[in-house]
Amino acid sequence: MSVVHSAPRFASNDGVIEAVSATLGDRLVSAHEAHGEVVLTVQRDAIAAALQLLRDEHEYQQLMEIAGVDYPNRAERFEVVYMLLSLTRNHRVLVKVNAAENTPVPTVTHLWPVAGWLEREVFDLYGVIFEGNADLRRILTDYGFEGHPFRKDFPLTGYVELRYSEEDKRVVYEPVKLAQDLRQFDFQSPWEGADYALPGDEKAGAAQ
């Protein structure tokens, strides 16, 4: 059975940067191609207007994902990345804005309702504030969770641990408890340099 669709099987990046640059104008900070994809960086305050232009004038109808990236050494340490898909042209673009902890990013929930959940994920994991999101609560971590787990400076180890308490019906913090002392296990693996005969070695000797 053959499927007939108006979108091309393979989409080219030829002319895309020039076309979207003309539309976005001074909203666009930079544009380049990386790893086969077009990457656009736009002014933070203009992100909603820029995405609307890409949706309405360049046929990027679908918001696939919103992701965060953390660069702790930058003055604006976060990048918020919007991944757009054109269903009619079979083409994708990445749109980025820079942000800090105290510089909110305008919401795009009025353009794509699914952005409400996606923005909450970035807020939960990175701490980026989305101005205008009517329900900016944590979505992946529990109530009372401290910090933002995807930040590069989030501690990987410490003196407290999280567990779900059946008594309190929520996640609780408590001091780390080790169930047993550290032990050395011998799994009889020849890759560990065992100097004794392993079960079955006699068969290998007999075959020779």
Protein backbone atom coordinates (compact mmCIF):
# COMPACT_ATOMS: atom_id res chain seq x y z
CA MET A 1 0.00 0.00 0.00
CA SER A 2 1.51 3.34 -1.00
CA VAL A 3 1.00 6.44 1.15
CA VAL A 4 0.55 9.69 -0.73
CA HIS A 5 1.49 12.79 1.23
CA SER A 6 2.22 16.33 0.16
CA ALA A 7 5.30 16.63 2.38
CA PRO A 8 8.60 15.81 0.64
CA ARG A 9 10.37 12.61 1.63
CA PHE A 10 13.60 14.51 2.25
CA ALA A 11 13.75 18.17 3.30
CA SER A 12 16.65 20.45 2.47
CA ASN A 13 18.01 23.33 4.52
CA ASP A 14 18.77 25.32 1.37
CA GLY A 15 17.41 28.84 1.64
CA VAL A 16 15.78 28.29 5.04
CA ILE A 17 18.10 30.58 6.99
CA GLU A 18 17.74 33.37 4.46
CA ALA A 19 13.94 33.08 4.40
CA VAL A 20 13.38 33.02 8.16
CA SER A 21 15.99 35.75 8.73
CA ALA A 22 14.07 38.08 6.45
CA THR A 23 10.86 37.36 8.37
CA LEU A 24 12.27 37.60 11.91
CA GLY A 25 14.33 40.74 11.27
CA ASP A 26 15.94 42.21 14.37
CA ARG A 27 14.25 39.60 16.57
CA LEU A 28 16.94 37.23 15.31
CA VAL A 29 20.28 37.23 17.15
CA SER A 30 22.04 34.57 15.06
CA ALA A 31 21.35 31.73 12.65
CA HIS A 32 23.50 28.81 11.57
CA GLU A 33 23.38 25.17 10.55
CA ALA A 34 24.73 22.52 12.91
CA HIS A 35 24.57 18.75 12.62
CA GLY A 36 22.21 19.03 9.68
CA GLU A 37 19.70 21.25 11.49
CA VAL A 38 18.93 24.96 11.31
CA VAL A 39 19.51 26.66 14.67
CA LEU A 40 18.04 30.11 15.34
CA THR A 41 18.79 32.24 18.40
CA VAL A 42 16.26 34.99 19.02
CA GLN A 43 15.77 37.81 21.50
CA ARG A 44 14.23 36.47 24.71
CA ASP A 45 11.47 39.09 24.86
CA ALA A 46 10.57 38.36 21.23
CA ILE A 47 10.33 34.56 21.47
CA ALA A 48 6.51 34.41 21.29
CA ALA A 49 6.34 36.73 18.28
CA ALA A 50 9.17 34.86 16.53
CA LEU A 51 7.56 31.45 17.04
CA GLN A 52 4.22 32.76 15.84
CA LEU A 53 5.83 34.05 12.64
CA LEU A 54 7.54 30.70 12.08
CA ARG A 55 4.22 28.92 12.64
CA ASP A 56 2.01 31.17 10.52
CA GLU A 57 4.34 32.27 7.72
CA HIS A 58 6.77 29.34 7.42
CA GLU A 59 4.45 26.42 8.20
CA TYR A 60 6.16 25.15 11.37
CA GLN A 61 2.85 24.03 12.76
CA GLN A 62 3.95 21.72 15.55
CA LEU A 63 5.86 22.37 18.76
CA MET A 64 7.62 19.05 19.37
CA GLU A 65 9.55 19.82 22.54
CA ILE A 66 10.95 22.50 24.84
CA ALA A 67 14.29 21.65 26.44
CA GLY A 68 16.74 23.37 28.74
CA VAL A 69 20.54 23.56 28.74
CA ASP A 70 22.72 24.81 31.59
CA TYR A 71 26.03 26.67 31.13
CA PRO A 72 26.93 27.71 34.71
CA ASN A 73 29.86 29.92 33.66
CA ARG A 74 27.71 32.20 31.49
CA ALA A 75 26.08 35.36 32.78
CA GLU A 76 22.80 34.01 31.37
CA ARG A 77 23.42 30.41 32.23
CA PHE A 78 20.35 28.81 30.63
CA GLU A 79 19.32 28.15 27.06
CA VAL A 80 15.68 27.32 26.36
CA VAL A 81 15.37 25.36 23.11
CA TYR A 82 12.13 25.10 21.11
CA MET A 83 11.93 22.29 18.55
CA LEU A 84 9.51 23.01 15.70
CA LEU A 85 8.28 20.68 12.97
CA SER A 86 6.69 21.58 9.66
CA LEU A 87 4.31 18.78 8.75
CA THR A 88 3.74 20.13 5.25
CA ARG A 89 7.42 20.62 4.45
CA ASN A 90 8.87 17.77 6.53
CA HIS A 91 11.40 20.14 8.05
CA ARG A 92 12.59 20.95 11.57
CA VAL A 93 14.21 23.99 13.16
CA LEU A 94 15.62 24.67 16.61
CA VAL A 95 14.91 28.07 18.17
CA LYS A 96 16.89 29.15 21.24
CA VAL A 97 16.76 31.94 23.80
CA ASN A 98 19.15 32.74 26.63
CA ALA A 99 17.96 33.29 30.19
CA ALA A 100 19.17 33.66 33.75
CA GLU A 101 17.49 32.77 37.03
CA ASN A 102 16.02 36.26 37.30
CA THR A 103 15.12 36.84 33.63
CA PRO A 104 11.73 35.26 32.85
CA VAL A 105 11.01 33.82 29.41
CA PRO A 106 7.60 34.73 27.91
CA THR A 107 5.23 31.79 27.74
CA VAL A 108 4.03 30.39 24.40
CA THR A 109 0.98 28.59 25.81
CA HIS A 110 -1.27 30.86 23.74
CA LEU A 111 0.38 29.47 20.59
CA TRP A 112 0.50 25.80 21.58
CA PRO A 113 -1.41 24.64 24.68
CA VAL A 114 1.04 21.71 25.08
CA ALA A 115 3.70 24.30 25.97
CA GLY A 116 2.13 24.51 29.43
CA TRP A 117 3.44 21.07 30.36
CA LEU A 118 6.74 21.50 28.52
CA GLU A 119 7.48 24.81 30.23
CA ARG A 120 6.71 23.23 33.59
CA GLU A 121 9.32 20.54 32.90
CA VAL A 122 12.01 23.12 32.16
CA PHE A 123 10.99 25.10 35.24
CA ASP A 124 11.11 22.01 37.43
CA LEU A 125 14.47 20.70 36.20
CA TYR A 126 16.33 23.98 35.60
CA GLY A 127 14.46 26.71 37.48
CA VAL A 128 13.71 28.84 34.40
CA ILE A 129 10.68 31.08 35.00
CA PHE A 130 8.09 31.34 32.21
CA GLU A 131 6.19 34.59 32.50
CA GLY A 132 2.50 34.18 31.71
CA ASN A 133 2.27 30.45 32.35
CA ALA A 134 -0.86 30.19 34.49
CA ASP A 135 0.12 26.91 36.16
CA LEU A 136 3.89 26.98 36.68
CA ARG A 137 4.24 24.16 39.23
CA ARG A 138 6.71 21.31 39.47
CA ILE A 139 5.70 18.39 37.29
CA LEU A 140 8.42 15.71 37.55
CA THR A 141 9.70 16.09 41.11
CA ASP A 142 7.60 15.84 44.25
CA TYR A 143 6.04 18.54 46.42
CA GLY A 144 8.67 20.00 48.71
CA PHE A 145 11.59 18.99 46.48
CA GLU A 146 14.55 21.35 46.89
CA GLY A 147 16.66 22.50 43.95
CA HIS A 148 16.58 21.77 40.24
CA PRO A 149 18.08 18.38 39.28
CA PHE A 150 19.34 19.19 35.76
CA ARG A 151 21.51 22.11 36.80
CA LYS A 152 25.21 21.32 36.46
CA ASP A 153 25.86 22.38 40.06
CA PHE A 154 23.09 20.21 41.53
CA PRO A 155 24.79 17.86 44.06
CA LEU A 156 24.93 14.21 43.06
CA THR A 157 25.73 12.98 46.57
CA GLY A 158 25.04 14.27 50.04
CA TYR A 159 23.98 13.39 53.55
CA VAL A 160 20.26 13.10 52.94
CA GLU A 161 18.23 10.89 50.65
CA LEU A 162 14.71 10.88 49.25
CA ARG A 163 12.21 8.09 49.68
CA TYR A 164 8.44 7.69 49.45
CA SER A 165 6.86 7.43 52.87
CA GLU A 166 3.76 5.25 53.06
CA GLU A 167 2.99 6.84 56.43
CA ASP A 168 3.15 10.44 55.17
CA LYS A 169 1.97 9.59 51.62
CA ARG A 170 4.68 11.77 50.08
CA VAL A 171 8.39 11.93 49.37
CA VAL A 172 10.43 12.72 52.47
CA TYR A 173 14.05 13.71 53.15
CA GLU A 174 16.01 11.73 55.74
CA PRO A 175 19.62 10.97 56.62
CA VAL A 176 21.31 8.39 54.43
CA LYS A 177 21.17 4.87 55.88
CA LEU A 178 23.41 2.12 54.50
CA ALA A 179 21.68 -1.25 54.52
CA GLN A 180 24.98 -3.18 54.91
CA ASP A 181 28.69 -2.64 55.21
CA LEU A 182 30.75 -2.36 52.03
CA ARG A 183 31.74 -5.84 50.89
CA GLN A 184 33.98 -7.28 48.21
CA PHE A 185 32.17 -9.87 46.09
CA ASP A 186 34.04 -12.51 44.06
CA PHE A 187 31.97 -13.37 41.01
CA GLN A 188 34.61 -15.82 39.67
CA SER A 189 35.01 -13.81 36.52
CA PRO A 190 38.07 -14.57 34.35
CA TRP A 191 38.01 -10.91 33.32
CA GLU A 192 38.99 -10.07 36.90
CA GLY A 193 42.15 -12.15 36.55
CA ALA A 194 41.07 -15.28 38.46
CA ASP A 195 44.06 -17.58 39.12
CA TYR A 196 42.00 -20.69 39.86
CA ALA A 197 40.08 -23.16 37.72
CA LEU A 198 36.52 -22.17 36.95
CA PRO A 199 33.66 -24.64 36.60
CA GLY A 200 33.73 -26.01 33.05
CA ASP A 201 37.44 -25.43 32.46
CA GLU A 202 37.99 -29.18 32.39
CA LYS A 203 35.83 -29.42 29.27
CA ALA A 204 38.00 -26.91 27.44
CA GLY A 205 41.10 -28.94 28.33
CA ALA A 206 39.52 -32.18 27.13
CA ALA A 207 38.55 -30.63 23.79
CA GLN A 208 42.20 -29.80 23.09
